[in-house]
Amino acid sequence: MYAYIDEFVVYLTAEKNSSQRTTEEYQKDIFHGLDFFGELLNKKDTTLHPVDIDHRIFRNYLAYLQEVGLARSTIARKLAAWRSFYNFLMREEVLDNNPLTRVATPKVAKKLPRFFYPDEIIKILEAPDVTPLGLRDKALLETIYACGLRVSELTTLNKNDVDLSGGYVRVWGKGSRERIVPIGSLAILAIKNYLKDGRVKIINKTQALFLNYRGDRLSARSVRTILNKYLKQTKTNKANPHTIRHTFATHLLENGADLRTVQELLGHISLSSTQIYTHVTREKLKQIYQNTHPRA
């Protein structure tokens, strides 16, 4: 089994262009299942073979995960990892059939994404000072909001990925997929100020656009720390950088953007990933109706 898992990891990295985080999560989920299957079948995990695990055994695993109190979303993620692994084994002709096609995915309730109201995001964007690191913070926060970037997309930006005269950013999304995203005038101004009076005063060790105080590429954890600083400073409810991405999408839709355009800007492969934002705008419509209709 371990040899197949090693081959699967190579496949994820070399052919699927999966991120390191995705690959590690898949490995973690598969290893977790191996421990359960080995104990259930009274076999050492080193002697397990994919054919040993049929749909009944896997349903026992899902039942166990539910008994120990894991969220349905976590259970669904583990099932997705195993499905991807078994699809790979089918492709490599290790298996004649995929037993996981007979295992239903747990239904996961869709939660409305948290987002900032206009006055909240404005307070956050205006909170940084004019020190070199403050200029950096304002530029990165403006960039996330202007372009709807994931944190991983923000931190991998290099200087030459940003065309300030043309008004766009070249973004490398999930699976190393490239997309071009327009950038607003206020974000352009913030980046110009950062490049002129902020970045040049920070030790420069890399071509990364956003640097930490040591001159290295800013990490995802650092971006979360930066946002938390301004949330606390503006007394805004707890959130994370992805909340700004949700805010970007929500504000576009509420101001008339069509769903397909927002899908392209966010870099979603499937429109269904973007449709959750329509629930947010429906709530907004309901709120307006209840506040304004005489007989609401």
Protein backbone atom coordinates (compact mmCIF):
# COMPACT_ATOMS: atom_id res chain seq x y z
CA MET A 1 0.00 0.00 0.00
CA TYR A 2 2.79 2.45 0.89
CA ALA A 3 4.41 2.05 -2.53
CA TYR A 4 1.11 2.98 -4.18
CA ILE A 5 0.73 5.98 -1.88
CA ASP A 6 4.23 7.17 -2.84
CA GLU A 7 3.30 6.90 -6.52
CA PHE A 8 0.05 8.75 -5.83
CA VAL A 9 1.96 11.62 -4.19
CA VAL A 10 4.24 11.89 -7.23
CA TYR A 11 1.14 11.93 -9.45
CA LEU A 12 -0.47 14.72 -7.40
CA THR A 13 2.68 16.83 -7.52
CA ALA A 14 3.96 16.19 -11.05
CA GLU A 15 0.76 15.71 -13.07
CA LYS A 16 -2.06 17.32 -11.11
CA ASN A 17 0.09 20.27 -9.97
CA SER A 18 -1.51 20.03 -6.53
CA SER A 19 -0.16 22.38 -3.89
CA GLN A 20 2.12 21.08 -1.18
CA ARG A 21 -0.61 21.65 1.38
CA THR A 22 -3.19 19.66 -0.62
CA THR A 23 -0.73 16.79 -1.11
CA GLU A 24 0.11 16.70 2.59
CA GLU A 25 -3.58 16.74 3.57
CA TYR A 26 -4.32 13.85 1.21
CA GLN A 27 -1.43 11.85 2.67
CA LYS A 28 -2.60 12.58 6.20
CA ASP A 29 -6.17 11.49 5.45
CA ILE A 30 -5.05 8.29 3.73
CA PHE A 31 -2.67 7.33 6.54
CA HIS A 32 -5.46 7.91 9.07
CA GLY A 33 -7.65 5.44 7.20
CA LEU A 34 -4.84 2.88 6.97
CA ASP A 35 -4.59 2.72 10.75
CA PHE A 36 -8.31 1.97 11.03
CA PHE A 37 -8.35 -0.62 8.23
CA GLY A 38 -5.29 -2.42 9.60
CA GLU A 39 -6.89 -2.76 13.02
CA LEU A 40 -10.28 -3.79 11.60
CA LEU A 41 -8.78 -6.46 9.33
CA ASN A 42 -6.20 -7.52 11.89
CA LYS A 43 -3.39 -6.82 9.46
CA LYS A 44 -0.25 -4.74 9.65
CA ASP A 45 -0.59 -1.60 7.59
CA THR A 46 2.53 -2.68 5.66
CA THR A 47 0.71 -5.79 4.42
CA LEU A 48 -2.54 -4.09 3.40
CA HIS A 49 -3.43 -4.05 -0.28
CA PRO A 50 -6.05 -1.84 -1.96
CA VAL A 51 -8.20 -4.89 -2.79
CA ASP A 52 -8.56 -5.58 0.96
CA ILE A 53 -10.75 -2.51 1.39
CA ASP A 54 -14.24 -2.86 -0.07
CA HIS A 55 -17.23 -0.54 0.20
CA ARG A 56 -18.56 -2.24 3.36
CA ILE A 57 -15.27 -1.80 5.19
CA PHE A 58 -15.08 1.82 4.11
CA ARG A 59 -18.61 2.47 5.35
CA ASN A 60 -17.48 1.13 8.73
CA TYR A 61 -14.69 3.71 8.62
CA LEU A 62 -17.14 6.54 7.92
CA ALA A 63 -19.37 5.34 10.75
CA TYR A 64 -16.36 5.36 13.07
CA LEU A 65 -15.47 8.92 12.05
CA GLN A 66 -19.03 10.00 12.82
CA GLU A 67 -18.97 8.23 16.22
CA VAL A 68 -15.82 10.06 17.30
CA GLY A 69 -17.53 13.36 16.53
CA LEU A 70 -15.79 14.56 13.36
CA ALA A 71 -17.65 17.18 11.36
CA ARG A 72 -19.37 16.05 8.17
CA SER A 73 -17.10 18.35 6.18
CA THR A 74 -14.03 16.59 7.62
CA ILE A 75 -15.50 13.16 6.88
CA ALA A 76 -16.30 14.24 3.32
CA ARG A 77 -12.74 15.51 2.89
CA LYS A 78 -11.26 12.18 4.00
CA LEU A 79 -13.57 10.34 1.61
CA ALA A 80 -12.51 12.68 -1.21
CA ALA A 81 -8.83 11.90 -0.52
CA TRP A 82 -9.47 8.16 -0.68
CA ARG A 83 -11.61 8.50 -3.80
CA SER A 84 -8.84 10.39 -5.55
CA PHE A 85 -6.35 7.70 -4.46
CA TYR A 86 -8.55 4.89 -5.74
CA ASN A 87 -9.21 6.69 -9.02
CA PHE A 88 -5.44 6.83 -9.43
CA LEU A 89 -5.20 3.09 -8.73
CA MET A 90 -7.87 2.44 -11.36
CA ARG A 91 -5.92 4.53 -13.84
CA GLU A 92 -2.77 2.53 -13.09
CA GLU A 93 -4.79 -0.71 -13.47
CA VAL A 94 -4.02 -1.80 -9.92
CA LEU A 95 -7.77 -2.32 -9.39
CA ASP A 96 -10.44 -3.68 -11.68
CA ASN A 97 -13.20 -1.68 -10.01
CA ASN A 98 -13.47 1.20 -7.58
CA PRO A 99 -15.36 0.14 -4.41
CA LEU A 100 -15.73 3.76 -3.30
CA THR A 101 -18.22 4.46 -6.09
CA ARG A 102 -20.70 2.62 -3.87
CA VAL A 103 -20.02 4.89 -0.88
CA ALA A 104 -22.20 8.00 -0.60
CA THR A 105 -20.67 11.33 0.34
CA PRO A 106 -22.06 12.74 3.62
CA LYS A 107 -24.26 15.75 2.99
CA VAL A 108 -22.56 18.89 4.19
CA ALA A 109 -24.61 21.92 5.11
CA LYS A 110 -23.42 24.97 3.19
CA LYS A 111 -22.54 27.85 5.46
CA LEU A 112 -22.89 31.41 4.28
CA PRO A 113 -19.41 32.91 3.97
CA ARG A 114 -18.53 35.62 6.47
CA PHE A 115 -17.88 38.98 4.83
CA PHE A 116 -17.26 42.58 5.82
CA TYR A 117 -19.78 45.35 5.30
CA PRO A 118 -18.46 48.39 3.38
CA ASP A 119 -17.87 50.50 6.48
CA GLU A 120 -15.97 47.62 8.12
CA ILE A 121 -13.61 46.97 5.22
CA ILE A 122 -12.96 50.70 4.78
CA LYS A 123 -11.91 51.00 8.44
CA ILE A 124 -9.55 48.06 8.06
CA LEU A 125 -8.01 49.36 4.83
CA GLU A 126 -7.44 52.80 6.32
CA ALA A 127 -5.96 51.53 9.61
CA PRO A 128 -2.25 51.03 8.64
CA ASP A 129 0.19 53.88 9.28
CA VAL A 130 2.79 55.36 6.89
CA THR A 131 5.83 53.49 8.19
CA PRO A 132 7.49 51.10 5.68
CA LEU A 133 5.69 48.10 7.21
CA GLY A 134 2.46 50.09 7.46
CA LEU A 135 2.66 50.92 3.76
CA ARG A 136 3.21 47.22 3.08
CA ASP A 137 0.20 46.25 5.18
CA LYS A 138 -2.07 48.74 3.42
CA ALA A 139 -0.86 47.57 0.01
CA LEU A 140 -1.44 43.88 0.72
CA LEU A 141 -4.87 44.44 2.28
CA GLU A 142 -5.92 46.65 -0.64
CA THR A 143 -4.63 44.00 -3.08
CA ILE A 144 -6.61 41.17 -1.46
CA TYR A 145 -9.79 43.25 -1.53
CA ALA A 146 -9.22 44.69 -5.00
CA CYS A 147 -8.47 41.31 -6.61
CA GLY A 148 -10.19 38.76 -4.35
CA LEU A 149 -6.96 36.82 -3.86
CA ARG A 150 -6.39 33.71 -1.79
CA VAL A 151 -3.61 34.15 0.78
CA SER A 152 -1.42 31.66 -1.12
CA GLU A 153 -1.91 33.73 -4.28
CA LEU A 154 -0.99 36.93 -2.47
CA THR A 155 2.18 35.58 -0.91
CA THR A 156 3.45 34.10 -4.19
CA LEU A 157 3.15 37.42 -6.05
CA ASN A 158 6.41 38.78 -7.42
CA LYS A 159 7.08 42.37 -8.43
CA ASN A 160 6.86 41.54 -12.12
CA ASP A 161 3.40 39.97 -11.64
CA VAL A 162 1.91 43.42 -11.08
CA ASP A 163 1.41 45.76 -14.05
CA LEU A 164 0.51 49.07 -12.41
CA SER A 165 0.33 50.99 -15.70
CA GLY A 166 -1.94 48.37 -17.27
CA GLY A 167 -3.96 47.92 -14.10
CA TYR A 168 -3.82 44.16 -13.68
CA VAL A 169 -2.21 41.41 -11.60
CA ARG A 170 -1.02 38.03 -12.87
CA VAL A 171 -2.10 35.43 -10.32
CA TRP A 172 -1.04 31.81 -9.93
CA GLY A 173 -3.99 29.96 -8.42
CA LYS A 174 -4.70 26.39 -7.38
CA GLY A 175 -3.03 23.78 -9.54
CA SER A 176 -0.64 26.48 -10.87
CA ARG A 177 -3.43 27.88 -13.03
CA GLU A 178 -2.72 31.40 -14.22
CA ARG A 179 -5.31 34.16 -14.42
CA ILE A 180 -5.23 37.89 -15.02
CA VAL A 181 -7.19 40.02 -12.56
CA PRO A 182 -7.87 43.77 -12.86
CA ILE A 183 -6.71 45.88 -9.93
CA GLY A 184 -8.47 49.03 -8.70
CA SER A 185 -7.02 52.53 -8.57
CA LEU A 186 -6.78 52.67 -4.77
CA ALA A 187 -4.87 49.39 -4.65
CA ILE A 188 -2.56 50.64 -7.43
CA LEU A 189 -1.85 53.80 -5.42
CA ALA A 190 -1.20 51.76 -2.25
CA ILE A 191 1.25 49.47 -4.09
CA LYS A 192 3.03 52.47 -5.66
CA ASN A 193 3.45 54.07 -2.23
CA TYR A 194 4.72 50.78 -0.81
CA LEU A 195 7.24 50.29 -3.63
CA LYS A 196 8.44 53.89 -3.39
CA ASP A 197 8.63 54.45 0.37
CA GLY A 198 8.15 51.02 1.97
CA ARG A 199 9.70 48.08 0.15
CA VAL A 200 12.95 49.93 -0.66
CA LYS A 201 13.51 50.51 3.05
CA ILE A 202 13.14 46.80 3.88
CA ILE A 203 16.07 44.42 3.35
CA ASN A 204 15.53 42.88 -0.08
CA LYS A 205 16.43 39.19 -0.48
CA THR A 206 13.84 38.12 -3.03
CA GLN A 207 11.70 39.25 -5.98
CA ALA A 208 8.59 38.73 -3.85
CA LEU A 209 6.25 41.72 -3.86
CA PHE A 210 5.43 41.55 -0.16
CA LEU A 211 8.35 41.17 2.25
CA ASN A 212 8.64 40.63 5.98
CA TYR A 213 10.94 42.83 8.06
CA ARG A 214 13.86 40.47 7.38
CA GLY A 215 13.47 40.89 3.62
CA ASP A 216 12.07 37.42 2.97
CA ARG A 217 8.79 36.52 1.25
CA LEU A 218 5.82 37.12 3.52
CA SER A 219 4.18 33.89 4.76
CA ALA A 220 0.48 33.07 4.95
CA ARG A 221 0.71 33.04 8.74
CA SER A 222 2.18 36.54 8.70
CA VAL A 223 -0.70 37.80 6.54
CA ARG A 224 -3.18 36.42 9.10
CA THR A 225 -1.21 38.11 11.90
CA ILE A 226 -1.26 41.42 10.02
CA LEU A 227 -5.02 41.26 9.51
CA ASN A 228 -5.62 40.32 13.16
CA LYS A 229 -3.64 43.39 14.19
CA TYR A 230 -5.98 45.71 12.31
CA LEU A 231 -9.11 43.83 13.31
CA LYS A 232 -8.15 44.43 16.93
CA GLN A 233 -7.18 48.02 16.21
CA THR A 234 -10.53 48.79 14.53
CA LYS A 235 -12.52 46.65 16.99
CA THR A 236 -13.86 44.49 14.15
CA ASN A 237 -15.12 40.98 14.76
CA LYS A 238 -12.67 38.11 14.35
CA ALA A 239 -12.08 37.07 10.74
CA ASN A 240 -9.33 35.79 8.45
CA PRO A 241 -7.82 36.90 5.12
CA HIS A 242 -10.24 34.68 3.21
CA THR A 243 -13.03 36.86 4.61
CA ILE A 244 -11.70 39.71 2.47
CA ARG A 245 -11.91 37.44 -0.58
CA HIS A 246 -15.54 36.69 0.33
CA THR A 247 -16.11 40.42 0.73
CA PHE A 248 -14.69 41.08 -2.74
CA ALA A 249 -17.13 38.61 -4.33
CA THR A 250 -20.13 39.73 -2.27
CA HIS A 251 -19.64 43.43 -2.98
CA LEU A 252 -19.24 42.77 -6.72
CA LEU A 253 -22.51 40.83 -6.88
CA GLU A 254 -24.38 43.34 -4.76
CA ASN A 255 -23.31 46.08 -7.17
CA GLY A 256 -24.48 44.30 -10.30
CA ALA A 257 -21.66 41.96 -11.40
CA ASP A 258 -22.80 38.71 -13.01
CA LEU A 259 -21.92 35.38 -11.45
CA ARG A 260 -19.82 34.16 -14.38
CA THR A 261 -17.55 37.21 -14.20
CA VAL A 262 -17.07 36.76 -10.46
CA GLN A 263 -16.23 33.10 -11.10
CA GLU A 264 -13.46 34.14 -13.50
CA LEU A 265 -12.10 36.76 -11.11
CA LEU A 266 -12.01 34.30 -8.20
CA GLY A 267 -10.41 31.58 -10.29
CA HIS A 268 -13.13 29.00 -9.57
CA ILE A 269 -13.18 26.07 -12.00
CA SER A 270 -16.84 25.32 -11.32
CA LEU A 271 -19.64 27.86 -11.19
CA SER A 272 -21.12 25.92 -8.26
CA SER A 273 -18.20 27.13 -6.11
CA THR A 274 -19.22 30.71 -6.83
CA GLN A 275 -22.97 30.22 -6.39
CA ILE A 276 -22.73 30.28 -2.60
CA TYR A 277 -22.35 34.06 -2.89
CA THR A 278 -25.84 34.30 -4.38
CA HIS A 279 -27.17 33.20 -0.99
CA VAL A 280 -25.45 36.18 0.56
CA THR A 281 -26.99 38.58 -1.93
CA ARG A 282 -30.42 36.95 -1.49
CA GLU A 283 -30.14 37.65 2.23
CA LYS A 284 -29.31 41.24 1.35
CA LEU A 285 -32.39 41.46 -0.90
CA LYS A 286 -34.55 39.98 1.84
CA GLN A 287 -33.20 42.49 4.34
CA ILE A 288 -33.92 45.42 1.99
CA TYR A 289 -37.41 44.08 1.26
CA GLN A 290 -38.24 43.70 4.96
CA ASN A 291 -36.93 47.17 5.76
CA THR A 292 -38.68 48.99 2.94
CA HIS A 293 -41.86 47.18 1.90
CA PRO A 294 -44.96 48.53 3.71
CA ARG A 295 -46.42 45.06 4.20
CA ALA A 296 -43.24 43.04 4.72
